[in-house]
């Protein structure tokens, strides 16, 4: 019979040292006041929607974010979001003109089509 090779005893791992700096880092993070983000002035600049888009969101100049918000409010109010695929928007008569006659567009395509109706 073959003799089994003798196993070497396993070396014990050195105990890990505790990190005393961790407590100091937490204290400095808590001491810093959180700075508020400043909005990009280019995005806050009012833009003028044309007559076609104005029928949906209003004809007064507004920032792009507000125009998008009003557009989504209109879509939700009239139930134009597709029931099966929520990423698609079904156009009614007013949105059909904004979407260039398309019956259904994705929400990503919608932003591209809406930007054609905004005058900077």
Foldseek 3Di string as FASTA:
>chain_A
DDDDDDDDDDDDDDDDDDDPCVVVVVVVVVPDDDDDDDDDVVQFDWWAFAPLLCVQQNGDTGGPVSSVVSNVVSQVVVVQQDPPDRQKGADDPSVCVLLVNDGMDGVVVSVVSRVVRIGD
